[in-house]
N, C-alpha and C. Protein backbone atom coordinates (compact mmCIF):
# COMPACT_ATOMS: atom_id res chain seq x y z
N MET A 1 114.02 88.92 193.26
CA MET A 1 114.33 90.10 194.04
C MET A 1 115.80 90.07 194.45
N ALA A 2 116.43 91.21 194.43
CA ALA A 2 117.84 91.31 194.78
C ALA A 2 118.05 91.04 196.26
N ALA A 3 119.23 90.57 196.61
CA ALA A 3 119.53 90.25 198.00
C ALA A 3 119.60 91.53 198.85
N ASN A 4 120.18 92.58 198.30
CA ASN A 4 120.30 93.85 199.03
C ASN A 4 119.52 94.95 198.33
N SER A 5 118.93 95.83 199.13
CA SER A 5 118.30 97.04 198.60
C SER A 5 119.25 98.19 198.91
N SER A 6 119.15 99.26 198.13
CA SER A 6 120.07 100.37 198.35
C SER A 6 119.46 101.69 197.89
N PHE A 7 120.10 102.78 198.31
CA PHE A 7 119.79 104.11 197.79
C PHE A 7 121.05 104.96 197.93
N ASP A 8 121.07 106.10 197.24
CA ASP A 8 122.20 107.02 197.30
C ASP A 8 121.77 108.30 198.01
N VAL A 9 122.66 108.81 198.84
CA VAL A 9 122.47 110.12 199.47
C VAL A 9 123.33 111.09 198.66
N VAL A 10 122.70 112.08 198.04
CA VAL A 10 123.41 113.06 197.20
C VAL A 10 123.00 114.47 197.60
N SER A 11 123.74 115.43 197.09
CA SER A 11 123.40 116.84 197.29
C SER A 11 123.47 117.51 195.93
N LYS A 12 122.32 117.63 195.28
CA LYS A 12 122.23 118.24 193.95
C LYS A 12 121.04 119.17 193.92
N PHE A 13 120.97 119.99 192.89
CA PHE A 13 119.81 120.86 192.70
C PHE A 13 119.50 120.95 191.22
N ASP A 14 118.28 121.33 190.92
CA ASP A 14 117.80 121.44 189.55
C ASP A 14 118.25 122.79 188.98
N ARG A 15 119.20 122.75 188.05
CA ARG A 15 119.75 124.00 187.48
C ARG A 15 118.68 124.81 186.76
N GLN A 16 117.75 124.15 186.09
CA GLN A 16 116.70 124.88 185.38
C GLN A 16 115.81 125.65 186.36
N GLU A 17 115.48 125.02 187.47
CA GLU A 17 114.67 125.72 188.49
C GLU A 17 115.44 126.90 189.06
N LEU A 18 116.76 126.75 189.26
CA LEU A 18 117.57 127.87 189.75
C LEU A 18 117.58 129.00 188.72
N LYS A 19 117.73 128.66 187.46
CA LYS A 19 117.72 129.67 186.39
C LYS A 19 116.38 130.40 186.37
N ASN A 20 115.28 129.65 186.52
CA ASN A 20 113.96 130.28 186.56
C ASN A 20 113.82 131.20 187.77
N ALA A 21 114.35 130.80 188.92
CA ALA A 21 114.27 131.63 190.12
C ALA A 21 115.05 132.93 189.93
N VAL A 22 116.23 132.85 189.31
CA VAL A 22 117.04 134.05 189.05
C VAL A 22 116.32 134.96 188.06
N ASP A 23 115.71 134.39 187.01
CA ASP A 23 114.96 135.19 186.03
C ASP A 23 113.78 135.89 186.70
N GLN A 24 113.06 135.19 187.55
CA GLN A 24 111.93 135.80 188.25
C GLN A 24 112.41 136.92 189.18
N THR A 25 113.55 136.72 189.82
CA THR A 25 114.11 137.74 190.69
C THR A 25 114.45 138.99 189.89
N GLU A 26 115.08 138.81 188.72
CA GLU A 26 115.41 139.97 187.87
C GLU A 26 114.15 140.72 187.47
N ARG A 27 113.11 140.00 187.10
CA ARG A 27 111.86 140.65 186.70
C ARG A 27 111.25 141.44 187.85
N GLU A 28 111.24 140.84 189.04
CA GLU A 28 110.64 141.54 190.18
C GLU A 28 111.46 142.77 190.57
N VAL A 29 112.78 142.67 190.49
CA VAL A 29 113.64 143.81 190.84
C VAL A 29 113.40 144.97 189.86
N ARG A 30 113.21 144.65 188.59
CA ARG A 30 112.96 145.71 187.59
C ARG A 30 111.62 146.40 187.79
N THR A 31 110.64 145.70 188.38
CA THR A 31 109.31 146.29 188.51
C THR A 31 109.00 146.80 189.92
N ARG A 32 109.77 146.39 190.92
CA ARG A 32 109.48 146.82 192.29
C ARG A 32 109.87 148.28 192.48
N TYR A 33 109.00 149.03 193.12
CA TYR A 33 109.17 150.48 193.23
C TYR A 33 110.50 150.87 193.90
N ASP A 34 110.84 150.23 195.01
CA ASP A 34 112.04 150.61 195.74
C ASP A 34 113.34 150.11 195.10
N LEU A 35 113.25 149.21 194.14
CA LEU A 35 114.45 148.66 193.50
C LEU A 35 114.56 149.02 192.01
N LYS A 36 113.54 149.68 191.48
CA LYS A 36 113.45 149.91 190.04
C LYS A 36 114.65 150.68 189.48
N ASP A 37 115.10 151.73 190.17
CA ASP A 37 116.15 152.60 189.65
C ASP A 37 117.55 152.27 190.18
N THR A 38 117.74 151.09 190.75
CA THR A 38 119.04 150.73 191.32
C THR A 38 120.00 150.14 190.29
N LYS A 39 119.52 149.86 189.08
CA LYS A 39 120.33 149.24 188.03
C LYS A 39 121.02 147.96 188.53
N THR A 40 120.23 147.13 189.17
CA THR A 40 120.73 145.87 189.74
C THR A 40 120.98 144.85 188.63
N GLU A 41 122.11 144.16 188.73
CA GLU A 41 122.45 143.11 187.78
C GLU A 41 122.62 141.81 188.56
N ILE A 42 121.97 140.75 188.07
CA ILE A 42 122.12 139.42 188.68
C ILE A 42 122.64 138.50 187.58
N THR A 43 123.81 137.92 187.81
CA THR A 43 124.45 137.07 186.81
C THR A 43 124.57 135.65 187.36
N LEU A 44 124.07 134.68 186.61
CA LEU A 44 124.17 133.28 186.98
C LEU A 44 125.25 132.61 186.15
N ASP A 45 126.27 132.08 186.83
CA ASP A 45 127.34 131.33 186.16
C ASP A 45 127.16 129.85 186.46
N ASP A 46 128.13 129.03 186.07
CA ASP A 46 128.04 127.59 186.30
C ASP A 46 128.00 127.26 187.79
N ASN A 47 128.81 127.96 188.60
CA ASN A 47 128.86 127.62 190.01
C ASN A 47 128.72 128.83 190.94
N SER A 48 128.15 129.94 190.45
CA SER A 48 127.94 131.10 191.32
C SER A 48 126.88 132.04 190.74
N ILE A 49 126.37 132.88 191.63
CA ILE A 49 125.46 133.95 191.26
C ILE A 49 126.13 135.24 191.74
N THR A 50 126.19 136.27 190.88
CA THR A 50 126.78 137.54 191.25
C THR A 50 125.69 138.60 191.26
N ILE A 51 125.58 139.31 192.38
CA ILE A 51 124.60 140.40 192.51
C ILE A 51 125.38 141.70 192.57
N ASN A 52 125.07 142.64 191.67
CA ASN A 52 125.72 143.95 191.62
C ASN A 52 124.61 144.99 191.71
N THR A 53 124.64 145.80 192.78
CA THR A 53 123.54 146.75 192.99
C THR A 53 124.06 148.03 193.63
N GLU A 54 123.13 148.93 193.95
CA GLU A 54 123.46 150.29 194.34
C GLU A 54 123.90 150.45 195.80
N SER A 55 123.26 149.74 196.74
CA SER A 55 123.52 149.98 198.15
C SER A 55 123.34 148.70 198.96
N ASP A 56 123.67 148.80 200.26
CA ASP A 56 123.47 147.66 201.16
C ASP A 56 121.99 147.30 201.26
N TYR A 57 121.14 148.32 201.30
CA TYR A 57 119.69 148.07 201.40
C TYR A 57 119.20 147.27 200.19
N SER A 58 119.55 147.72 198.99
CA SER A 58 119.06 147.02 197.79
C SER A 58 119.68 145.63 197.67
N LEU A 59 120.91 145.46 198.16
CA LEU A 59 121.54 144.14 198.14
C LEU A 59 120.75 143.18 199.03
N GLY A 60 120.39 143.63 200.22
CA GLY A 60 119.60 142.80 201.12
C GLY A 60 118.23 142.48 200.54
N ALA A 61 117.60 143.48 199.90
CA ALA A 61 116.28 143.26 199.30
C ALA A 61 116.36 142.26 198.15
N VAL A 62 117.40 142.35 197.34
CA VAL A 62 117.56 141.41 196.22
C VAL A 62 117.80 139.99 196.75
N ARG A 63 118.60 139.86 197.81
CA ARG A 63 118.81 138.54 198.42
C ARG A 63 117.49 137.96 198.91
N ASP A 64 116.66 138.80 199.57
CA ASP A 64 115.36 138.33 200.07
C ASP A 64 114.46 137.86 198.93
N VAL A 65 114.43 138.62 197.85
CA VAL A 65 113.60 138.25 196.70
C VAL A 65 114.11 136.94 196.10
N LEU A 66 115.43 136.81 195.94
CA LEU A 66 116.01 135.59 195.37
C LEU A 66 115.67 134.38 196.24
N GLU A 67 115.81 134.52 197.56
CA GLU A 67 115.52 133.40 198.45
C GLU A 67 114.04 133.03 198.40
N SER A 68 113.16 134.01 198.33
CA SER A 68 111.73 133.69 198.27
C SER A 68 111.38 132.98 196.96
N LYS A 69 112.01 133.39 195.86
CA LYS A 69 111.75 132.72 194.58
C LYS A 69 112.30 131.29 194.59
N MET A 70 113.44 131.09 195.25
CA MET A 70 114.01 129.73 195.34
C MET A 70 113.11 128.83 196.17
N ILE A 71 112.59 129.35 197.28
CA ILE A 71 111.71 128.55 198.13
C ILE A 71 110.43 128.18 197.37
N SER A 72 109.89 129.13 196.62
CA SER A 72 108.65 128.83 195.88
C SER A 72 108.90 127.79 194.78
N ARG A 73 110.15 127.65 194.34
CA ARG A 73 110.49 126.64 193.33
C ARG A 73 111.08 125.38 193.96
N LYS A 74 110.92 125.25 195.27
CA LYS A 74 111.33 124.07 196.02
C LYS A 74 112.84 123.79 195.94
N LEU A 75 113.63 124.87 195.94
CA LEU A 75 115.08 124.76 196.01
C LEU A 75 115.51 125.06 197.44
N SER A 76 116.45 124.29 197.96
CA SER A 76 116.92 124.51 199.32
C SER A 76 117.85 125.72 199.37
N LEU A 77 117.74 126.51 200.43
CA LEU A 77 118.62 127.66 200.60
C LEU A 77 120.03 127.22 201.02
N LYS A 78 120.19 125.94 201.37
CA LYS A 78 121.51 125.44 201.76
C LYS A 78 122.47 125.36 200.58
N ILE A 79 121.97 125.47 199.35
CA ILE A 79 122.87 125.45 198.21
C ILE A 79 123.57 126.79 198.04
N LEU A 80 123.09 127.84 198.72
CA LEU A 80 123.69 129.17 198.61
C LEU A 80 124.80 129.34 199.65
N ASP A 81 125.97 129.76 199.19
CA ASP A 81 127.10 130.04 200.07
C ASP A 81 127.50 131.50 199.84
N TYR A 82 126.96 132.39 200.69
CA TYR A 82 127.20 133.82 200.53
C TYR A 82 128.64 134.16 200.84
N GLN A 83 129.31 134.85 199.94
CA GLN A 83 130.66 135.35 200.16
C GLN A 83 130.57 136.76 200.73
N ALA A 84 131.69 137.34 201.07
CA ALA A 84 131.70 138.68 201.67
C ALA A 84 131.24 139.73 200.65
N GLU A 85 130.52 140.73 201.15
CA GLU A 85 130.11 141.84 200.30
C GLU A 85 131.36 142.65 199.97
N GLU A 86 131.42 143.17 198.76
CA GLU A 86 132.58 143.97 198.38
C GLU A 86 132.11 145.22 197.66
N ASP A 87 132.95 146.24 197.70
CA ASP A 87 132.64 147.48 197.00
C ASP A 87 133.02 147.30 195.54
N ALA A 88 132.11 147.73 194.66
CA ALA A 88 132.36 147.67 193.22
C ALA A 88 132.59 149.09 192.72
N SER A 89 132.96 149.23 191.47
CA SER A 89 133.20 150.56 190.91
C SER A 89 131.92 151.36 190.88
N GLY A 90 132.03 152.67 191.01
CA GLY A 90 130.87 153.55 190.97
C GLY A 90 130.08 153.53 192.26
N ALA A 91 130.74 153.32 193.40
CA ALA A 91 130.10 153.30 194.72
C ALA A 91 128.94 152.30 194.79
N ARG A 92 129.14 151.16 194.18
CA ARG A 92 128.12 150.12 194.17
C ARG A 92 128.56 148.96 195.05
N LYS A 93 127.65 148.03 195.31
CA LYS A 93 127.94 146.85 196.12
C LYS A 93 127.84 145.61 195.25
N ARG A 94 128.73 144.65 195.51
CA ARG A 94 128.72 143.39 194.77
C ARG A 94 128.82 142.26 195.79
N GLN A 95 128.09 141.18 195.52
CA GLN A 95 128.20 139.99 196.34
C GLN A 95 128.16 138.76 195.45
N VAL A 96 129.10 137.87 195.69
CA VAL A 96 129.14 136.60 194.96
C VAL A 96 128.53 135.54 195.87
N VAL A 97 127.63 134.74 195.30
CA VAL A 97 126.99 133.65 196.03
C VAL A 97 127.40 132.36 195.33
N LYS A 98 128.25 131.57 195.99
CA LYS A 98 128.67 130.31 195.39
C LYS A 98 127.57 129.27 195.58
N LEU A 99 127.49 128.34 194.65
CA LEU A 99 126.48 127.29 194.68
C LEU A 99 127.12 125.99 195.16
N ARG A 100 126.55 125.42 196.21
CA ARG A 100 127.07 124.17 196.77
C ARG A 100 126.37 122.99 196.11
N GLU A 101 127.19 122.08 195.60
CA GLU A 101 126.64 120.85 195.04
C GLU A 101 127.61 119.72 195.36
N GLY A 102 127.08 118.60 195.78
CA GLY A 102 127.92 117.47 196.16
C GLY A 102 128.18 117.49 197.66
N ILE A 103 128.50 116.33 198.18
CA ILE A 103 128.79 116.18 199.60
C ILE A 103 130.30 116.09 199.76
N ASN A 104 130.90 117.03 200.50
CA ASN A 104 132.36 116.98 200.65
C ASN A 104 132.76 115.85 201.60
N ASP A 105 134.04 115.53 201.63
CA ASP A 105 134.53 114.36 202.38
C ASP A 105 134.20 114.43 203.86
N GLU A 106 134.36 115.61 204.46
CA GLU A 106 134.13 115.75 205.91
C GLU A 106 132.68 115.44 206.27
N ILE A 107 131.74 116.00 205.52
CA ILE A 107 130.32 115.77 205.79
C ILE A 107 129.95 114.33 205.45
N ALA A 108 130.52 113.78 204.37
CA ALA A 108 130.24 112.39 204.00
C ALA A 108 130.69 111.43 205.10
N LYS A 109 131.86 111.68 205.68
CA LYS A 109 132.33 110.83 206.78
C LYS A 109 131.42 110.95 207.99
N LYS A 110 130.95 112.16 208.26
CA LYS A 110 130.06 112.38 209.40
C LYS A 110 128.73 111.62 209.21
N ILE A 111 128.16 111.71 207.99
CA ILE A 111 126.90 111.03 207.70
C ILE A 111 127.10 109.51 207.76
N SER A 112 128.18 109.03 207.17
CA SER A 112 128.46 107.59 207.17
C SER A 112 128.63 107.06 208.60
N LYS A 113 129.35 107.80 209.44
CA LYS A 113 129.53 107.40 210.84
C LYS A 113 128.20 107.41 211.57
N GLU A 114 127.36 108.41 211.32
CA GLU A 114 126.04 108.50 211.95
C GLU A 114 125.20 107.27 211.58
N ILE A 115 125.25 106.86 210.32
CA ILE A 115 124.49 105.68 209.87
C ILE A 115 125.02 104.42 210.55
N ARG A 116 126.36 104.26 210.58
CA ARG A 116 126.94 103.06 211.19
C ARG A 116 126.64 102.98 212.69
N ASP A 117 126.66 104.13 213.37
CA ASP A 117 126.42 104.13 214.83
C ASP A 117 124.97 103.81 215.17
N ASN A 118 124.03 104.30 214.38
CA ASN A 118 122.61 104.17 214.71
C ASN A 118 121.92 102.96 214.08
N PHE A 119 122.48 102.43 212.99
CA PHE A 119 121.83 101.33 212.26
C PHE A 119 122.86 100.23 212.01
N LYS A 120 122.80 99.19 212.80
CA LYS A 120 123.80 98.12 212.73
C LYS A 120 123.66 97.23 211.50
N LYS A 121 122.45 97.10 210.96
CA LYS A 121 122.21 96.21 209.83
C LYS A 121 122.39 96.91 208.48
N VAL A 122 122.86 98.16 208.51
CA VAL A 122 122.96 98.96 207.29
C VAL A 122 124.43 99.24 207.00
N ASN A 123 124.78 99.18 205.71
CA ASN A 123 126.15 99.45 205.26
C ASN A 123 126.17 100.76 204.46
N ALA A 124 127.07 101.68 204.82
CA ALA A 124 127.20 102.96 204.10
C ALA A 124 128.59 103.08 203.52
N GLN A 125 128.67 103.40 202.20
CA GLN A 125 129.95 103.55 201.52
C GLN A 125 130.00 104.92 200.86
N ILE A 126 131.13 105.60 201.01
CA ILE A 126 131.31 106.89 200.34
C ILE A 126 131.80 106.62 198.92
N GLN A 127 131.08 107.17 197.93
CA GLN A 127 131.44 106.99 196.53
C GLN A 127 131.50 108.37 195.87
N GLY A 128 132.68 108.96 195.86
CA GLY A 128 132.83 110.30 195.28
C GLY A 128 132.10 111.32 196.13
N ASP A 129 131.15 112.02 195.53
CA ASP A 129 130.39 113.03 196.29
C ASP A 129 128.99 112.51 196.64
N ALA A 130 128.85 111.18 196.73
CA ALA A 130 127.59 110.56 197.13
C ALA A 130 127.88 109.46 198.16
N ILE A 131 126.84 109.02 198.83
CA ILE A 131 126.97 107.94 199.79
C ILE A 131 125.98 106.85 199.41
N ARG A 132 126.47 105.62 199.19
CA ARG A 132 125.61 104.49 198.87
C ARG A 132 125.27 103.79 200.17
N VAL A 133 123.97 103.61 200.44
CA VAL A 133 123.51 102.95 201.65
C VAL A 133 122.83 101.65 201.24
N GLN A 134 123.25 100.52 201.85
CA GLN A 134 122.71 99.21 201.49
C GLN A 134 122.24 98.47 202.74
N ALA A 135 121.18 97.68 202.56
CA ALA A 135 120.67 96.84 203.64
C ALA A 135 119.83 95.73 203.02
N LYS A 136 119.61 94.66 203.78
CA LYS A 136 118.75 93.57 203.30
C LYS A 136 117.28 93.97 203.36
N SER A 137 116.92 94.77 204.34
CA SER A 137 115.53 95.15 204.55
C SER A 137 115.26 96.58 204.07
N ARG A 138 114.21 96.76 203.31
CA ARG A 138 113.83 98.10 202.87
C ARG A 138 113.34 98.95 204.04
N ASP A 139 112.80 98.30 205.06
CA ASP A 139 112.37 99.04 206.26
C ASP A 139 113.55 99.72 206.93
N ASP A 140 114.70 99.05 206.96
CA ASP A 140 115.91 99.66 207.53
C ASP A 140 116.32 100.89 206.72
N LEU A 141 116.21 100.77 205.40
CA LEU A 141 116.57 101.91 204.55
C LEU A 141 115.62 103.09 204.79
N GLN A 142 114.34 102.80 204.93
CA GLN A 142 113.37 103.87 205.22
C GLN A 142 113.68 104.53 206.55
N ALA A 143 114.10 103.74 207.53
CA ALA A 143 114.46 104.30 208.84
C ALA A 143 115.67 105.22 208.72
N VAL A 144 116.64 104.83 207.89
CA VAL A 144 117.83 105.68 207.68
C VAL A 144 117.41 107.00 207.02
N ILE A 145 116.56 106.94 205.99
CA ILE A 145 116.11 108.15 205.30
C ILE A 145 115.40 109.07 206.28
N ASN A 146 114.49 108.53 207.08
CA ASN A 146 113.76 109.35 208.06
C ASN A 146 114.71 109.96 209.09
N HIS A 147 115.71 109.19 209.51
CA HIS A 147 116.68 109.71 210.47
C HIS A 147 117.48 110.86 209.87
N LEU A 148 117.96 110.69 208.63
CA LEU A 148 118.77 111.74 207.99
C LEU A 148 117.94 112.99 207.70
N LYS A 149 116.65 112.82 207.40
CA LYS A 149 115.78 113.99 207.18
C LYS A 149 115.61 114.79 208.46
N GLY A 150 115.68 114.12 209.60
CA GLY A 150 115.52 114.79 210.88
C GLY A 150 116.77 115.53 211.33
N GLU A 151 117.91 115.19 210.77
CA GLU A 151 119.17 115.85 211.15
C GLU A 151 119.35 117.12 210.33
N ASP A 152 120.18 118.04 210.84
CA ASP A 152 120.44 119.30 210.14
C ASP A 152 121.89 119.32 209.68
N TYR A 153 122.10 119.13 208.39
CA TYR A 153 123.43 119.16 207.81
C TYR A 153 123.60 120.45 207.02
N PRO A 154 124.84 120.92 206.81
CA PRO A 154 125.05 122.17 206.09
C PRO A 154 124.82 122.06 204.58
N VAL A 155 124.47 120.89 204.10
CA VAL A 155 124.14 120.71 202.68
C VAL A 155 122.74 120.14 202.55
N ALA A 156 122.12 120.39 201.42
CA ALA A 156 120.79 119.85 201.15
C ALA A 156 120.95 118.39 200.71
N LEU A 157 120.22 117.48 201.35
CA LEU A 157 120.35 116.05 201.02
C LEU A 157 119.15 115.58 200.21
N GLN A 158 119.41 114.77 199.18
CA GLN A 158 118.37 114.09 198.44
C GLN A 158 118.70 112.60 198.44
N PHE A 159 117.66 111.81 198.27
CA PHE A 159 117.79 110.36 198.31
C PHE A 159 117.37 109.82 196.94
N THR A 160 118.32 109.22 196.20
CA THR A 160 118.05 108.79 194.84
C THR A 160 118.36 107.30 194.68
N ASN A 161 118.00 106.76 193.53
CA ASN A 161 118.30 105.37 193.15
C ASN A 161 117.83 104.37 194.19
N TYR A 162 116.65 104.58 194.72
CA TYR A 162 116.11 103.65 195.73
C TYR A 162 115.70 102.37 195.03
N ARG A 163 116.37 101.25 195.35
CA ARG A 163 116.05 99.96 194.71
C ARG A 163 115.94 98.90 195.76
């Protein structure tokens, strides 16, 4: 058995599940009575989703449908970063939704400090956009995971590579 056990704190999402959620949203928008004739377009890029629709009402309805499909596919809504609504050509509305992935330096430092302050036997290191947490006892690592799950951070956290 290894001397130290460890796990990584990351912020990632399943791109295939996101693609499926966007496809389901498009299907529902095409068939829903109040949204059928709005000619709504939802475009998924590598790091953003663009919604182009007829009015503020339909934009809000499309966002609600997208969020409900993401929740049903077990995707966190924290990956969505809504940008400002803008007017598009033809008196239409457009909104870009950026996708958050990875833990930025500011949040990583905050999480690392939280771990150091609350758990003296645990070591936390920032490695790129992930945080490696190490300890001799697996019970200490479980306590850290439970503590971080109880906190509310602006990014969705996952715990990987538990060894």
